C-alpha atoms as a PDB file:
ATOM      1  CA  MET A   1     -19.543  -3.844   9.156  1.00  0.00           C
ATOM      2  CA  ALA A   2     -22.643  -1.692   8.915  1.00  0.00           C
ATOM      3  CA  ASN A   3     -23.278   0.122   5.679  1.00  0.00           C
ATOM      4  CA  VAL A   4     -22.005   3.634   6.357  1.00  0.00           C
ATOM      5  CA  THR A   5     -22.320   6.348   3.752  1.00  0.00           C
ATOM      6  CA  ILE A   6     -19.643   9.008   3.708  1.00  0.00           C
ATOM      7  CA  SER A   7     -19.328  11.922   1.303  1.00  0.00           C
ATOM      8  CA  ALA A   8     -16.393  12.305  -1.078  1.00  0.00           C
ATOM      9  CA  GLU A   9     -15.350  15.420   0.892  1.00  0.00           C
ATOM     10  CA  TYR A  10     -15.175  13.569   4.232  1.00  0.00           C
ATOM     11  CA  ARG A  11     -11.773  13.453   5.932  1.00  0.00           C
ATOM     12  CA  PRO A  12     -11.142  11.752   9.282  1.00  0.00           C
ATOM     13  CA  SER A  13     -10.832  14.169  12.167  1.00  0.00           C
ATOM     14  CA  GLU A  14      -9.441  14.086  15.699  1.00  0.00           C
ATOM     15  CA  ASN A  15     -12.857  15.401  16.822  1.00  0.00           C
ATOM     16  CA  GLU A  16     -14.650  12.087  16.256  1.00  0.00           C
ATOM     17  CA  PRO A  17     -14.261   8.614  17.779  1.00  0.00           C
ATOM     18  CA  PHE A  18     -11.011   6.992  16.613  1.00  0.00           C
ATOM     19  CA  MET A  19     -11.740   4.210  14.108  1.00  0.00           C
ATOM     20  CA  GLY A  20     -15.468   4.689  14.390  1.00  0.00           C
ATOM     21  CA  GLU A  21     -17.600   3.461  11.492  1.00  0.00           C
ATOM     22  CA  ARG A  22     -17.001   6.573   9.353  1.00  0.00           C
ATOM     23  CA  GLN A  23     -13.206   6.396   9.705  1.00  0.00           C
ATOM     24  CA  ARG A  24     -13.121   2.652   9.033  1.00  0.00           C
ATOM     25  CA  GLU A  25     -15.270   3.106   5.916  1.00  0.00           C
ATOM     26  CA  TYR A  26     -13.089   6.017   4.756  1.00  0.00           C
ATOM     27  CA  PHE A  27      -9.885   3.964   5.031  1.00  0.00           C
ATOM     28  CA  ARG A  28     -11.555   0.851   3.580  1.00  0.00           C
ATOM     29  CA  ARG A  29     -12.567   2.870   0.515  1.00  0.00           C
ATOM     30  CA  LYS A  30      -9.133   4.497   0.298  1.00  0.00           C
ATOM     31  CA  LEU A  31      -7.414   1.073   0.384  1.00  0.00           C
ATOM     32  CA  LEU A  32      -9.798  -0.444  -2.179  1.00  0.00           C
ATOM     33  CA  ASP A  33      -9.292   2.514  -4.549  1.00  0.00           C
ATOM     34  CA  TRP A  34      -5.499   2.183  -4.173  1.00  0.00           C
ATOM     35  CA  LYS A  35      -5.685  -1.548  -4.887  1.00  0.00           C
ATOM     36  CA  ASP A  36      -7.875  -0.961  -7.973  1.00  0.00           C
ATOM     37  CA  GLU A  37      -5.386   1.617  -9.265  1.00  0.00           C
ATOM     38  CA  ILE A  38      -2.436  -0.787  -8.820  1.00  0.00           C
ATOM     39  CA  LEU A  39      -4.327  -3.601 -10.568  1.00  0.00           C
ATOM     40  CA  ARG A  40      -5.280  -1.290 -13.458  1.00  0.00           C
ATOM     41  CA  GLU A  41      -1.644  -0.176 -13.868  1.00  0.00           C
ATOM     42  CA  SER A  42      -0.574  -3.803 -13.687  1.00  0.00           C
ATOM     43  CA  ARG A  43      -2.938  -4.785 -16.509  1.00  0.00           C
ATOM     44  CA  GLU A  44      -1.640  -1.880 -18.629  1.00  0.00           C
ATOM     45  CA  THR A  45       1.967  -2.947 -17.971  1.00  0.00           C
ATOM     46  CA  LEU A  46       1.174  -6.526 -18.918  1.00  0.00           C
ATOM     47  CA  ALA A  47      -0.488  -5.406 -22.161  1.00  0.00           C
ATOM     48  CA  THR A  48       2.546  -3.242 -22.993  1.00  0.00           C
ATOM     49  CA  LEU A  49       4.972  -6.089 -22.262  1.00  0.00           C
ATOM     50  CA  GLN A  50       2.976  -8.476 -24.461  1.00  0.00           C
ATOM     51  CA  LYS A  51       2.859  -5.924 -27.278  1.00  0.00           C
ATOM     52  CA  GLU A  52       6.614  -5.323 -27.073  1.00  0.00           C
ATOM     53  CA  ASN A  53       7.387  -9.038 -27.070  1.00  0.00           C
ATOM     54  CA  GLU A  54       8.309  -8.972 -30.742  1.00  0.00           C
ATOM     55  CA  ASN A  55      11.775  -9.967 -31.902  1.00  0.00           C
ATOM     56  CA  HIS A  56      14.271  -7.154 -32.124  1.00  0.00           C
ATOM     57  CA  PRO A  57      16.763  -7.727 -34.930  1.00  0.00           C
ATOM     58  CA  ASP A  58      19.141  -5.162 -33.414  1.00  0.00           C
ATOM     59  CA  VAL A  59      21.158  -6.403 -30.417  1.00  0.00           C
ATOM     60  CA  ALA A  60      21.062  -3.000 -28.709  1.00  0.00           C
ATOM     61  CA  ASP A  61      17.276  -2.809 -29.104  1.00  0.00           C
ATOM     62  CA  ARG A  62      16.913  -6.328 -27.728  1.00  0.00           C
ATOM     63  CA  ALA A  63      19.171  -5.516 -24.746  1.00  0.00           C
ATOM     64  CA  SER A  64      17.252  -2.309 -24.048  1.00  0.00           C
ATOM     65  CA  SER A  65      13.952  -4.189 -24.251  1.00  0.00           C
ATOM     66  CA  GLU A  66      15.225  -6.888 -21.854  1.00  0.00           C
ATOM     67  CA  THR A  67      16.348  -4.212 -19.369  1.00  0.00           C
ATOM     68  CA  ASP A  68      12.947  -2.505 -19.556  1.00  0.00           C
ATOM     69  CA  ARG A  69      11.257  -5.857 -19.055  1.00  0.00           C
ATOM     70  CA  ALA A  70      13.365  -6.657 -15.974  1.00  0.00           C
ATOM     71  CA  ILE A  71      12.543  -3.255 -14.467  1.00  0.00           C
ATOM     72  CA  GLU A  72       8.815  -3.776 -15.152  1.00  0.00           C
ATOM     73  CA  LEU A  73       8.891  -7.241 -13.588  1.00  0.00           C
ATOM     74  CA  ARG A  74      10.585  -5.900 -10.441  1.00  0.00           C
ATOM     75  CA  ALA A  75       7.962  -3.159 -10.249  1.00  0.00           C
ATOM     76  CA  ARG A  76       5.204  -5.766 -10.625  1.00  0.00           C
ATOM     77  CA  ASP A  77       6.737  -7.781  -7.776  1.00  0.00           C
ATOM     78  CA  ARG A  78       6.722  -4.670  -5.549  1.00  0.00           C
ATOM     79  CA  GLN A  79       3.092  -4.058  -6.544  1.00  0.00           C
ATOM     80  CA  ARG A  80       2.185  -7.670  -5.688  1.00  0.00           C
ATOM     81  CA  LYS A  81       3.710  -7.216  -2.213  1.00  0.00           C
ATOM     82  CA  LEU A  82       1.887  -3.893  -1.824  1.00  0.00           C
ATOM     83  CA  ILE A  83      -1.446  -5.511  -2.731  1.00  0.00           C
ATOM     84  CA  SER A  84      -0.776  -8.137  -0.065  1.00  0.00           C
ATOM     85  CA  LYS A  85      -0.214  -5.349   2.501  1.00  0.00           C
ATOM     86  CA  ILE A  86      -3.415  -3.620   1.346  1.00  0.00           C
ATOM     87  CA  ASP A  87      -5.334  -6.899   1.746  1.00  0.00           C
ATOM     88  CA  ASP A  88      -3.851  -7.281   5.251  1.00  0.00           C
ATOM     89  CA  ALA A  89      -4.982  -3.740   6.121  1.00  0.00           C
ATOM     90  CA  LEU A  90      -8.494  -4.470   4.807  1.00  0.00           C
ATOM     91  CA  GLN A  91      -8.574  -7.569   7.016  1.00  0.00           C
ATOM     92  CA  ARG A  92      -7.529  -5.450  10.024  1.00  0.00           C
ATOM     93  CA  ILE A  93     -10.442  -3.099   9.272  1.00  0.00           C
ATOM     94  CA  GLU A  94     -12.777  -6.103   9.327  1.00  0.00           C
ATOM     95  CA  ASP A  95     -11.391  -7.519  12.584  1.00  0.00           C
ATOM     96  CA  GLY A  96     -11.231  -4.136  14.343  1.00  0.00           C
ATOM     97  CA  THR A  97      -7.434  -3.870  14.723  1.00  0.00           C
ATOM     98  CA  TYR A  98      -6.858  -1.352  11.912  1.00  0.00           C
ATOM     99  CA  GLY A  99      -5.332   1.942  13.001  1.00  0.00           C
ATOM    100  CA  TYR A 100      -3.700   0.543  16.124  1.00  0.00           C
ATOM    101  CA  CYS A 101       0.045  -0.033  16.473  1.00  0.00           C
ATOM    102  CA  GLU A 102       0.937  -3.736  16.353  1.00  0.00           C
ATOM    103  CA  GLU A 103       3.723  -3.118  18.854  1.00  0.00           C
ATOM    104  CA  THR A 104       2.148  -0.820  21.450  1.00  0.00           C
ATOM    105  CA  GLY A 105      -1.590  -1.120  20.824  1.00  0.00           C
ATOM    106  CA  GLU A 106      -1.796   2.684  20.747  1.00  0.00           C
ATOM    107  CA  PRO A 107      -3.707   4.478  17.961  1.00  0.00           C
ATOM    108  CA  ILE A 108      -1.641   5.326  14.880  1.00  0.00           C
ATOM    109  CA  SER A 109      -2.068   9.022  14.050  1.00  0.00           C
ATOM    110  CA  LEU A 110      -4.644   9.884  11.405  1.00  0.00           C
ATOM    111  CA  LYS A 111      -1.989  11.903   9.548  1.00  0.00           C
ATOM    112  CA  ARG A 112       0.228   8.805   9.314  1.00  0.00           C
ATOM    113  CA  LEU A 113      -2.666   6.597   8.186  1.00  0.00           C
ATOM    114  CA  GLU A 114      -3.669   9.207   5.614  1.00  0.00           C
ATOM    115  CA  ALA A 115      -0.115   9.220   4.213  1.00  0.00           C
ATOM    116  CA  ARG A 116       0.435   5.451   4.557  1.00  0.00           C
ATOM    117  CA  PRO A 117      -2.876   3.618   4.965  1.00  0.00           C
ATOM    118  CA  ILE A 118      -1.078   0.258   5.257  1.00  0.00           C
ATOM    119  CA  ALA A 119       0.920   1.376   8.319  1.00  0.00           C
ATOM    120  CA  THR A 120       0.995  -1.172  11.141  1.00  0.00           C
ATOM    121  CA  LEU A 121       3.224   0.767  13.543  1.00  0.00           C
ATOM    122  CA  SER A 122       2.886   4.195  15.122  1.00  0.00           C
ATOM    123  CA  LEU A 123       5.493   6.711  14.005  1.00  0.00           C
ATOM    124  CA  GLU A 124       7.397   6.278  17.283  1.00  0.00           C
ATOM    125  CA  ALA A 125       7.405   2.468  17.019  1.00  0.00           C
ATOM    126  CA  GLN A 126       8.463   2.669  13.348  1.00  0.00           C
ATOM    127  CA  GLU A 127      11.354   5.004  14.201  1.00  0.00           C
ATOM    128  CA  ARG A 128      12.429   2.683  17.037  1.00  0.00           C
ATOM    129  CA  HIS A 129      12.255  -0.291  14.656  1.00  0.00           C
ATOM    130  CA  GLU A 130      14.396   1.527  12.052  1.00  0.00           C
ATOM    131  CA  ARG A 131      16.955   2.591  14.688  1.00  0.00           C
ATOM    132  CA  ASN A 132      17.260  -1.035  15.837  1.00  0.00           C
ATOM    133  CA  GLU A 133      17.700  -2.195  12.237  1.00  0.00           C
ATOM    134  CA  ARG A 134      20.523   0.330  11.737  1.00  0.00           C
ATOM    135  CA  VAL A 135      22.244  -0.759  14.934  1.00  0.00           C
ATOM    136  CA  HIS A 136      22.094  -4.447  13.953  1.00  0.00           C
ATOM    137  CA  ARG A 137      23.110  -3.715  10.363  1.00  0.00           C
ATOM    138  CA  ASP A 138      26.214  -1.875  11.603  1.00  0.00           C
ATOM    139  CA  ASP A 139      27.324  -4.851  13.731  1.00  0.00           C
END
């Protein structure tokens, strides 16, 4: 990908080529910043968990600490999965498929990508997918 410089104020617009260099660079930067933020929070969580790893003489304190630890570990697992989705989106930017619905091949709206930069389906395809899941879940 060519080195494209975009200003901090730049926002993708419908008035420019869809997934042109500027838009790809914008979303690449947005995804990398999101990933960095998750990794930073993860490191802070790990440091907190290690610090709190002392023995609690009180059973209630120990139980509360174990509950907090379980919640943190579940959150870390969700973050790990999210990082994987971010990495997948970054790969799609590199291979030129980012921003296009995996199901229909149509462009995903800029508003949707702005709100959920890891989106792989257009809003319509996502809604169809969720309706089908509900139907099959109710069976």
